[in-house]
Amino acid sequence: MRTLLRNATRVLTLAGSREARAGAAAANLGELSDASVLFEDARIKWVGPHDELPSSAAPDVDVDCEGKTILPDVLDEANSSRG
């Protein structure tokens, strides 16, 4: 299933360094304005300015996030426990 969160005022990202971040480095987030996030089967497939959304996106669920901030959940599956 494809889900599109579109037209968010802000999307915060962890773009940049792939190293673990702690302390002050954890506050260094990327930020996109007027952006969208496309998920497919609960995985992020695309993030970017809404006007650059690929025409092939074709979401099953389309959520207008105008006036909202999106912070995608970050899960390190290798180091997390599943109840």
C-alpha atoms as a PDB file:
ATOM      1  CA  MET A   1       0.000   0.000   0.000  1.00  0.00           C
ATOM      2  CA  ARG A   2       1.257   3.471  -0.881  1.00  0.00           C
ATOM      3  CA  THR A   3       0.511   6.376   1.438  1.00  0.00           C
ATOM      4  CA  LEU A   4       1.273   9.990   0.572  1.00  0.00           C
ATOM      5  CA  LEU A   5       1.568  12.650   3.255  1.00  0.00           C
ATOM      6  CA  ARG A   6       1.433  15.798   1.109  1.00  0.00           C
ATOM      7  CA  ASN A   7       1.764  19.557   1.446  1.00  0.00           C
ATOM      8  CA  ALA A   8       3.394  19.514   4.884  1.00  0.00           C
ATOM      9  CA  THR A   9       4.581  22.914   6.018  1.00  0.00           C
ATOM     10  CA  ARG A  10       7.784  21.228   7.237  1.00  0.00           C
ATOM     11  CA  VAL A  11       9.344  17.789   6.912  1.00  0.00           C
ATOM     12  CA  LEU A  12      12.261  17.115   9.249  1.00  0.00           C
ATOM     13  CA  THR A  13      14.823  14.616   7.972  1.00  0.00           C
ATOM     14  CA  LEU A  14      17.998  12.893   9.077  1.00  0.00           C
ATOM     15  CA  ALA A  15      19.665  13.693   5.763  1.00  0.00           C
ATOM     16  CA  GLY A  16      23.422  13.980   5.825  1.00  0.00           C
ATOM     17  CA  SER A  17      25.769  11.953   7.978  1.00  0.00           C
ATOM     18  CA  ARG A  18      24.846   8.293   8.445  1.00  0.00           C
ATOM     19  CA  GLU A  19      26.692   8.174  11.772  1.00  0.00           C
ATOM     20  CA  ALA A  20      24.776   7.805  15.023  1.00  0.00           C
ATOM     21  CA  ARG A  21      23.909  11.192  16.490  1.00  0.00           C
ATOM     22  CA  ALA A  22      23.892  12.119  20.145  1.00  0.00           C
ATOM     23  CA  GLY A  23      23.949  15.347  22.112  1.00  0.00           C
ATOM     24  CA  ALA A  24      24.191  18.496  19.991  1.00  0.00           C
ATOM     25  CA  ALA A  25      24.580  16.458  16.772  1.00  0.00           C
ATOM     26  CA  ALA A  26      21.100  14.999  17.311  1.00  0.00           C
ATOM     27  CA  ALA A  27      19.655  18.500  16.875  1.00  0.00           C
ATOM     28  CA  ASN A  28      21.140  18.804  13.369  1.00  0.00           C
ATOM     29  CA  LEU A  29      18.098  17.847  11.329  1.00  0.00           C
ATOM     30  CA  GLY A  30      17.460  18.600   7.707  1.00  0.00           C
ATOM     31  CA  GLU A  31      14.291  20.558   6.998  1.00  0.00           C
ATOM     32  CA  LEU A  32      12.161  20.742   3.866  1.00  0.00           C
ATOM     33  CA  SER A  33       9.352  23.248   3.330  1.00  0.00           C
ATOM     34  CA  ASP A  34       6.110  22.540   1.450  1.00  0.00           C
ATOM     35  CA  ALA A  35       7.146  18.908   1.161  1.00  0.00           C
ATOM     36  CA  SER A  36       5.650  15.442   0.927  1.00  0.00           C
ATOM     37  CA  VAL A  37       6.574  11.937   2.068  1.00  0.00           C
ATOM     38  CA  LEU A  38       5.618   8.810   0.144  1.00  0.00           C
ATOM     39  CA  PHE A  39       5.509   5.492   2.004  1.00  0.00           C
ATOM     40  CA  GLU A  40       5.162   2.058   0.488  1.00  0.00           C
ATOM     41  CA  ASP A  41       4.428  -0.853   2.796  1.00  0.00           C
ATOM     42  CA  ALA A  42       5.487   1.249   5.831  1.00  0.00           C
ATOM     43  CA  ARG A  43       8.850   2.211   4.303  1.00  0.00           C
ATOM     44  CA  ILE A  44       9.784   5.679   3.160  1.00  0.00           C
ATOM     45  CA  LYS A  45      10.133   5.604  -0.632  1.00  0.00           C
ATOM     46  CA  TRP A  46      10.437   9.305  -1.440  1.00  0.00           C
ATOM     47  CA  VAL A  47      10.800  12.641   0.381  1.00  0.00           C
ATOM     48  CA  GLY A  48      10.992  16.042  -1.225  1.00  0.00           C
ATOM     49  CA  PRO A  49       9.285  19.251  -2.293  1.00  0.00           C
ATOM     50  CA  HIS A  50       5.671  18.491  -3.176  1.00  0.00           C
ATOM     51  CA  ASP A  51       5.989  20.055  -6.622  1.00  0.00           C
ATOM     52  CA  GLU A  52       8.723  17.492  -7.425  1.00  0.00           C
ATOM     53  CA  LEU A  53       6.594  14.468  -6.500  1.00  0.00           C
ATOM     54  CA  PRO A  54       7.122  11.801  -9.170  1.00  0.00           C
ATOM     55  CA  SER A  55       4.109  11.323 -11.427  1.00  0.00           C
ATOM     56  CA  SER A  56       4.415   7.582 -10.788  1.00  0.00           C
ATOM     57  CA  ALA A  57       3.647   8.035  -7.063  1.00  0.00           C
ATOM     58  CA  ALA A  58      -0.050   7.003  -7.410  1.00  0.00           C
ATOM     59  CA  PRO A  59      -0.884   6.667  -3.690  1.00  0.00           C
ATOM     60  CA  ASP A  60      -3.654   4.444  -2.315  1.00  0.00           C
ATOM     61  CA  VAL A  61      -4.066   6.865   0.605  1.00  0.00           C
ATOM     62  CA  ASP A  62      -3.542  10.621   0.199  1.00  0.00           C
ATOM     63  CA  VAL A  63      -3.373  12.753   3.371  1.00  0.00           C
ATOM     64  CA  ASP A  64      -3.291  16.560   3.155  1.00  0.00           C
ATOM     65  CA  CYS A  65      -0.846  17.752   5.848  1.00  0.00           C
ATOM     66  CA  GLU A  66      -1.118  21.499   5.204  1.00  0.00           C
ATOM     67  CA  GLY A  67      -0.037  23.406   8.320  1.00  0.00           C
ATOM     68  CA  LYS A  68       1.595  20.307   9.833  1.00  0.00           C
ATOM     69  CA  THR A  69       5.154  19.171  10.538  1.00  0.00           C
ATOM     70  CA  ILE A  70       6.194  15.620   9.649  1.00  0.00           C
ATOM     71  CA  LEU A  71       8.990  13.829  11.479  1.00  0.00           C
ATOM     72  CA  PRO A  72       9.268  10.319  10.057  1.00  0.00           C
ATOM     73  CA  ASP A  73       9.859   7.671  12.714  1.00  0.00           C
ATOM     74  CA  VAL A  74      13.370   6.318  12.693  1.00  0.00           C
ATOM     75  CA  LEU A  75      13.757   2.705  13.751  1.00  0.00           C
ATOM     76  CA  ASP A  76      17.018   0.807  13.804  1.00  0.00           C
ATOM     77  CA  GLU A  77      15.655  -2.720  13.423  1.00  0.00           C
ATOM     78  CA  ALA A  78      19.021  -4.304  14.171  1.00  0.00           C
ATOM     79  CA  ASN A  79      19.087  -2.767  17.637  1.00  0.00           C
ATOM     80  CA  SER A  80      15.429  -2.763  18.640  1.00  0.00           C
ATOM     81  CA  SER A  81      13.465  -5.440  20.424  1.00  0.00           C
ATOM     82  CA  ARG A  82      10.106  -6.665  19.290  1.00  0.00           C
ATOM     83  CA  GLY A  83       7.729  -7.450  22.131  1.00  0.00           C
END
